Amino acid sequence: MSCASCHVPDQAYTDGQDLSLSYPTTRNWRNTPTLLNVAYFKSLFHDGRASTLEEQALFPVMSSFEMNLNLDYLEEKIRIVPEYGAAFNNVFGGEVTKARIAMAIAAFERTLVSVNAPLDRYLQGDKAAISPGARRGFEIFTGKGKCADCHYGPHLSDDMFHALNVPENPEDRKDPRIAATRRFVAKVFRYEDYRNLEEDPGRYLVTRDMKDWKAFRTPTLREIAKTPPYMHNGTMKTLEEVLDFFDRGGGPGNKALTPLRLTAEEKLALKTFLEEALSGDDIPFRLPKIP
């Protein structure tokens, strides 16, 4: 397993799975978020448990159900490659260490910036940058659809956490490996009743505040057309499903959303905006060549 096992460059740094790929014999329990524009988030992961890219980078590496790699062993794997050893000395002024590995990964992630989307050009004055249908969708996005209440700013996110009561992934009930992962994560976070946990508590495991039960970070909408399936657990395969979910006011019992009562025409216009206006220039990816 590598970072690119789940963050595939050709798939907008996601993997197209409802639940992330995982180390053989294990199962992940959450969806792979895109790495595009990740440098602009105030917190990382769906539950916000990391505040810097350097802190984030090593979580998946050592996670038993992700890359499952001992960090001391990782140091030796990289040190054994002469070119890597020379590069670390050249860039960081010292040998390979866990902290410097995290710094190197984070430095790369900060280059993954989505720019020059049609919406960017439209807001800069090019009124022909988006189609009439997308312009109508933008009006709904910022108006009746209330999307801009949470999706705003350069990366179209409020950097907040909201409990929308998204349905649990059906695979969660079918695959005991997912239950094992859920219990393991809750145990690591010292949730006392972890063996009886039947759903994803979201940010609650981080904060222990009941307002964060099943709350997850507002994702960026940039490149959204390229990053299905959607939501923290990939339960929604299409944008139509996402729009229907928000239109009916989110999941049962949630206090964050109210029904929108969008017409079919308004949903279509909103979908057109999301698909056409938020994807930026392709970011070239080249594997490094070792001399």
Protein backbone atom coordinates (compact mmCIF):
# COMPACT_ATOMS: atom_id res chain seq x y z
CA MET A 1 0.00 0.00 0.00
CA SER A 2 1.10 3.55 -0.71
CA CYS A 3 -0.46 7.01 -0.45
CA ALA A 4 -1.31 6.71 -4.15
CA SER A 5 -3.23 3.48 -3.55
CA CYS A 6 -6.12 5.62 -2.33
CA HIS A 7 -5.16 9.07 -3.60
CA VAL A 8 -4.86 8.32 -7.30
CA PRO A 9 -3.56 11.29 -9.34
CA ASP A 10 -5.71 10.42 -12.37
CA GLN A 11 -8.83 10.33 -10.17
CA ALA A 12 -8.44 13.78 -8.62
CA TYR A 13 -6.48 12.15 -5.79
CA THR A 14 -9.36 9.90 -4.70
CA ASP A 15 -9.88 6.19 -5.47
CA GLY A 16 -13.48 6.03 -6.73
CA GLN A 17 -14.49 3.58 -3.97
CA ASP A 18 -17.30 4.16 -1.50
CA LEU A 19 -14.97 3.06 1.30
CA SER A 20 -11.24 3.60 0.91
CA LEU A 21 -9.00 0.80 -0.19
CA SER A 22 -7.35 -0.93 2.74
CA TYR A 23 -4.53 -3.21 3.75
CA PRO A 24 -5.22 -6.84 2.68
CA THR A 25 -7.53 -8.73 5.09
CA THR A 26 -8.86 -5.44 6.56
CA ARG A 27 -11.58 -2.97 5.57
CA ASN A 28 -11.65 0.78 5.86
CA TRP A 29 -14.79 2.51 7.12
CA ARG A 30 -14.63 5.93 5.44
CA ASN A 31 -14.36 7.40 1.96
CA THR A 32 -11.11 8.78 0.51
CA PRO A 33 -11.23 12.60 0.40
CA THR A 34 -9.46 14.41 -2.40
CA LEU A 35 -6.03 15.90 -1.71
CA LEU A 36 -6.64 18.80 -4.09
CA ASN A 37 -6.49 22.10 -2.17
CA VAL A 38 -5.82 20.17 1.04
CA ALA A 39 -3.26 22.82 2.03
CA TYR A 40 -6.07 25.28 2.68
CA PHE A 41 -7.98 23.26 5.26
CA LYS A 42 -7.71 24.16 8.92
CA SER A 43 -8.13 20.52 9.92
CA LEU A 44 -7.62 17.20 8.15
CA PHE A 45 -9.51 13.91 7.90
CA HIS A 46 -13.30 13.71 7.92
CA ASP A 47 -13.26 14.10 11.70
CA GLY A 48 -10.65 16.87 11.86
CA ARG A 49 -8.27 15.00 14.14
CA ALA A 50 -5.14 16.51 12.54
CA SER A 51 -4.41 20.22 12.26
CA THR A 52 -1.39 20.15 9.92
CA LEU A 53 -0.40 18.18 6.84
CA GLU A 54 2.72 17.01 8.64
CA GLU A 55 0.58 15.58 11.43
CA GLN A 56 -1.84 14.06 8.94
CA ALA A 57 0.76 12.39 6.73
CA LEU A 58 1.82 9.62 9.11
CA PHE A 59 -1.64 8.57 10.34
CA PRO A 60 -2.48 6.44 7.25
CA VAL A 61 1.07 5.08 7.05
CA MET A 62 0.89 3.44 10.46
CA SER A 63 -2.85 2.70 10.46
CA SER A 64 -3.52 -1.04 10.73
CA PHE A 65 -6.33 -0.89 8.17
CA GLU A 66 -4.63 1.49 5.74
CA MET A 67 -0.92 1.19 4.89
CA ASN A 68 -0.07 -0.82 8.03
CA LEU A 69 3.58 0.18 8.02
CA ASN A 70 5.75 0.51 11.11
CA LEU A 71 7.31 3.97 11.06
CA ASP A 72 10.73 2.78 12.22
CA TYR A 73 10.70 0.26 9.39
CA LEU A 74 9.65 3.00 6.97
CA GLU A 75 12.73 5.01 7.93
CA GLU A 76 14.97 2.06 7.03
CA LYS A 77 13.10 1.39 3.77
CA ILE A 78 13.83 4.93 2.64
CA ARG A 79 17.36 5.13 4.04
CA ILE A 80 18.37 2.04 2.07
CA VAL A 81 17.83 3.94 -1.21
CA PRO A 82 20.99 6.02 -1.77
CA GLU A 83 19.20 8.63 -3.89
CA TYR A 84 16.64 9.23 -1.15
CA GLY A 85 19.35 9.55 1.47
CA ALA A 86 21.16 12.14 -0.64
CA ALA A 87 17.93 14.02 -1.33
CA PHE A 88 17.01 14.24 2.36
CA ASN A 89 20.46 15.55 3.23
CA ASN A 90 20.24 18.08 0.42
CA VAL A 91 16.72 19.31 1.22
CA PHE A 92 16.53 18.96 5.00
CA GLY A 93 20.18 19.03 5.97
CA GLY A 94 20.07 15.65 7.68
CA GLU A 95 19.24 11.97 7.38
CA VAL A 96 15.86 10.34 6.83
CA THR A 97 13.59 10.55 9.88
CA LYS A 98 9.87 10.06 10.45
CA ALA A 99 9.39 13.79 10.94
CA ARG A 100 11.22 14.61 7.71
CA ILE A 101 9.25 12.00 5.78
CA ALA A 102 6.07 13.73 6.95
CA MET A 103 7.54 17.10 5.93
CA ALA A 104 8.36 15.80 2.45
CA ILE A 105 4.88 14.35 1.91
CA ALA A 106 3.26 17.53 3.18
CA ALA A 107 5.41 19.67 0.89
CA PHE A 108 4.19 17.64 -2.10
CA GLU A 109 0.56 17.84 -0.99
CA ARG A 110 0.78 21.63 -0.83
CA THR A 111 1.48 21.69 -4.58
CA LEU A 112 -1.90 20.06 -5.35
CA VAL A 113 -3.93 23.21 -5.97
CA SER A 114 -6.98 23.36 -8.23
CA VAL A 115 -6.91 26.64 -10.16
CA ASN A 116 -8.55 28.38 -13.10
CA ALA A 117 -11.94 26.73 -12.76
CA PRO A 118 -14.72 28.26 -14.87
CA LEU A 119 -16.20 29.74 -11.68
CA ASP A 120 -12.89 31.51 -10.98
CA ARG A 121 -12.91 33.09 -14.43
CA TYR A 122 -16.59 34.00 -14.09
CA LEU A 123 -16.01 35.77 -10.78
CA GLN A 124 -13.07 37.60 -12.33
CA GLY A 125 -15.40 39.11 -14.93
CA ASP A 126 -15.51 36.58 -17.78
CA LYS A 127 -19.28 36.15 -18.02
CA ALA A 128 -18.89 33.62 -20.84
CA ALA A 129 -16.81 31.28 -18.65
CA ILE A 130 -19.88 29.29 -17.58
CA SER A 131 -22.98 28.32 -19.52
CA PRO A 132 -26.42 29.86 -18.94
CA GLY A 133 -27.47 26.65 -17.19
CA ALA A 134 -24.49 26.81 -14.86
CA ARG A 135 -25.18 30.50 -14.15
CA ARG A 136 -28.72 29.58 -13.16
CA GLY A 137 -27.27 26.87 -10.92
CA PHE A 138 -24.92 29.38 -9.33
CA GLU A 139 -27.90 31.57 -8.47
CA ILE A 140 -29.54 28.60 -6.73
CA PHE A 141 -26.23 27.65 -5.08
CA THR A 142 -25.98 31.07 -3.47
CA GLY A 143 -29.74 31.49 -2.96
CA LYS A 144 -32.59 29.04 -2.55
CA GLY A 145 -30.28 26.01 -2.36
CA LYS A 146 -28.40 27.51 0.64
CA CYS A 147 -25.26 25.66 -0.51
CA ALA A 148 -23.10 28.74 0.05
CA ASP A 149 -24.06 28.77 3.73
CA CYS A 150 -21.38 26.11 4.23
CA HIS A 151 -19.55 25.95 0.89
CA TYR A 152 -17.88 29.32 0.42
CA GLY A 153 -14.44 30.93 0.10
CA PRO A 154 -11.56 29.87 -2.15
CA HIS A 155 -11.96 26.14 -1.46
CA LEU A 156 -15.75 26.20 -1.06
CA SER A 157 -15.85 24.98 2.53
CA ASP A 158 -16.52 26.59 5.90
CA ASP A 159 -13.95 24.33 7.63
CA MET A 160 -16.68 23.40 10.11
CA PHE A 161 -18.29 20.13 11.19
CA HIS A 162 -21.96 19.34 10.72
CA ALA A 163 -24.12 16.40 11.77
CA LEU A 164 -26.31 15.76 8.74
CA ASN A 165 -27.21 12.21 9.79
CA VAL A 166 -25.97 10.66 6.56
CA PRO A 167 -27.13 7.01 6.37
CA GLU A 168 -24.60 4.40 7.37
CA ASN A 169 -22.96 2.49 4.51
CA PRO A 170 -24.84 -0.82 4.00
CA GLU A 171 -21.49 -2.61 3.77
CA ASP A 172 -21.01 -1.72 7.42
CA ARG A 173 -23.66 -4.26 8.38
CA LYS A 174 -22.44 -6.96 6.00
CA ASP A 175 -18.69 -7.01 6.57
CA PRO A 176 -17.36 -7.83 10.07
CA ARG A 177 -13.99 -6.37 9.07
CA ILE A 178 -15.59 -2.92 8.99
CA ALA A 179 -17.03 -3.51 12.45
CA ALA A 180 -13.54 -4.45 13.63
CA THR A 181 -12.16 -1.20 12.21
CA ARG A 182 -14.93 0.85 13.82
CA ARG A 183 -14.33 -0.76 17.20
CA PHE A 184 -10.56 -0.41 16.87
CA VAL A 185 -10.73 3.32 16.09
CA ALA A 186 -13.18 3.93 18.94
CA LYS A 187 -10.94 1.93 21.29
CA VAL A 188 -7.89 3.99 20.30
CA PHE A 189 -9.91 7.14 21.07
CA ARG A 190 -10.83 5.63 24.48
CA TYR A 191 -14.55 5.36 23.80
CA GLU A 192 -15.63 3.08 26.66
CA ASP A 193 -18.49 1.25 24.94
CA TYR A 194 -16.53 0.63 21.74
CA ARG A 195 -17.61 -3.02 21.47
CA ASN A 196 -21.27 -2.02 21.11
CA LEU A 197 -20.70 0.84 18.70
CA GLU A 198 -22.92 0.32 15.64
CA GLU A 199 -22.40 3.59 13.73
CA ASP A 200 -19.70 6.10 12.91
CA PRO A 201 -19.66 8.73 15.71
CA GLY A 202 -17.74 11.20 13.51
CA ARG A 203 -16.02 14.10 15.24
CA TYR A 204 -17.45 13.08 18.61
CA LEU A 205 -14.54 10.67 19.08
CA VAL A 206 -12.20 13.67 18.87
CA THR A 207 -14.12 16.22 20.95
CA ARG A 208 -16.41 14.14 23.22
CA ASP A 209 -19.02 16.84 22.62
CA MET A 210 -22.46 15.42 21.79
CA LYS A 211 -23.09 18.17 19.26
CA ASP A 212 -20.36 16.47 17.20
CA TRP A 213 -22.03 13.04 17.21
CA LYS A 214 -22.03 11.95 13.53
CA ALA A 215 -20.59 15.34 12.53
CA PHE A 216 -18.06 15.50 9.70
CA ARG A 217 -15.98 18.23 8.09
CA THR A 218 -17.55 20.18 5.24
CA PRO A 219 -15.71 18.92 2.14
CA THR A 220 -14.39 21.15 -0.60
CA LEU A 221 -16.61 21.25 -3.69
CA ARG A 222 -13.75 21.95 -6.06
CA GLU A 223 -13.34 19.09 -8.55
CA ILE A 224 -16.56 17.54 -7.22
CA ALA A 225 -17.48 16.18 -10.65
CA LYS A 226 -14.33 14.03 -10.52
CA THR A 227 -14.61 12.68 -6.98
CA PRO A 228 -17.63 10.38 -6.63
CA PRO A 229 -18.92 8.65 -4.59
CA TYR A 230 -19.86 11.26 -2.03
CA MET A 231 -20.18 11.81 1.72
CA HIS A 232 -17.79 10.57 4.41
CA ASN A 233 -18.78 6.95 3.76
CA GLY A 234 -19.43 7.02 0.02
CA THR A 235 -23.12 6.17 0.36
CA MET A 236 -24.15 8.54 -2.45
CA LYS A 237 -22.92 7.51 -5.88
CA THR A 238 -24.13 10.50 -7.89
CA LEU A 239 -24.67 14.22 -7.52
CA GLU A 240 -28.39 13.61 -8.04
CA GLU A 241 -28.44 11.53 -4.84
CA VAL A 242 -26.57 14.25 -2.96
CA LEU A 243 -28.96 16.95 -4.15
CA ASP A 244 -31.99 14.84 -3.22
CA PHE A 245 -30.53 14.30 0.25
CA PHE A 246 -30.09 18.02 0.85
CA ASP A 247 -33.39 18.87 -0.80
CA ARG A 248 -35.32 16.73 1.71
CA GLY A 249 -33.43 18.32 4.60
CA GLY A 250 -30.72 15.73 5.25
CA GLY A 251 -31.03 12.58 7.34
CA PRO A 252 -33.84 11.95 9.84
CA GLY A 253 -33.50 13.89 13.07
CA ASN A 254 -30.66 16.17 12.01
CA LYS A 255 -30.77 19.79 13.18
CA ALA A 256 -28.41 21.27 10.60
CA LEU A 257 -30.64 21.23 7.52
CA THR A 258 -34.22 22.02 6.54
CA PRO A 259 -36.07 20.93 3.37
CA LEU A 260 -35.31 23.10 0.33
CA ARG A 261 -38.23 22.13 -1.92
CA LEU A 262 -36.25 22.56 -5.12
CA THR A 263 -37.99 21.94 -8.41
CA ALA A 264 -36.66 19.41 -10.92
CA GLU A 265 -35.43 22.32 -13.06
CA GLU A 266 -33.60 23.87 -10.11
CA LYS A 267 -31.91 20.58 -9.23
CA LEU A 268 -30.79 20.16 -12.84
CA ALA A 269 -29.37 23.69 -12.93
CA LEU A 270 -27.55 23.13 -9.63
CA LYS A 271 -26.10 19.87 -10.91
CA THR A 272 -24.97 21.63 -14.09
CA PHE A 273 -23.15 24.24 -12.03
CA LEU A 274 -21.42 21.64 -9.88
CA GLU A 275 -20.34 19.58 -12.89
CA GLU A 276 -19.27 22.38 -15.20
CA ALA A 277 -17.96 25.23 -13.08
CA LEU A 278 -15.79 23.81 -10.30
CA SER A 279 -13.09 21.77 -12.06
CA GLY A 280 -9.77 23.54 -12.60
CA ASP A 281 -6.82 22.91 -14.88
CA ASP A 282 -5.34 19.43 -14.89
CA ILE A 283 -2.40 19.10 -12.54
CA PRO A 284 0.41 17.22 -14.33
CA PHE A 285 1.84 14.32 -12.39
CA ARG A 286 5.18 12.79 -13.27
CA LEU A 287 6.91 9.96 -11.45
CA PRO A 288 10.41 11.03 -10.43
CA LYS A 289 13.25 9.48 -12.37
CA ILE A 290 16.12 8.10 -10.32
CA PRO A 291 19.43 8.66 -12.12
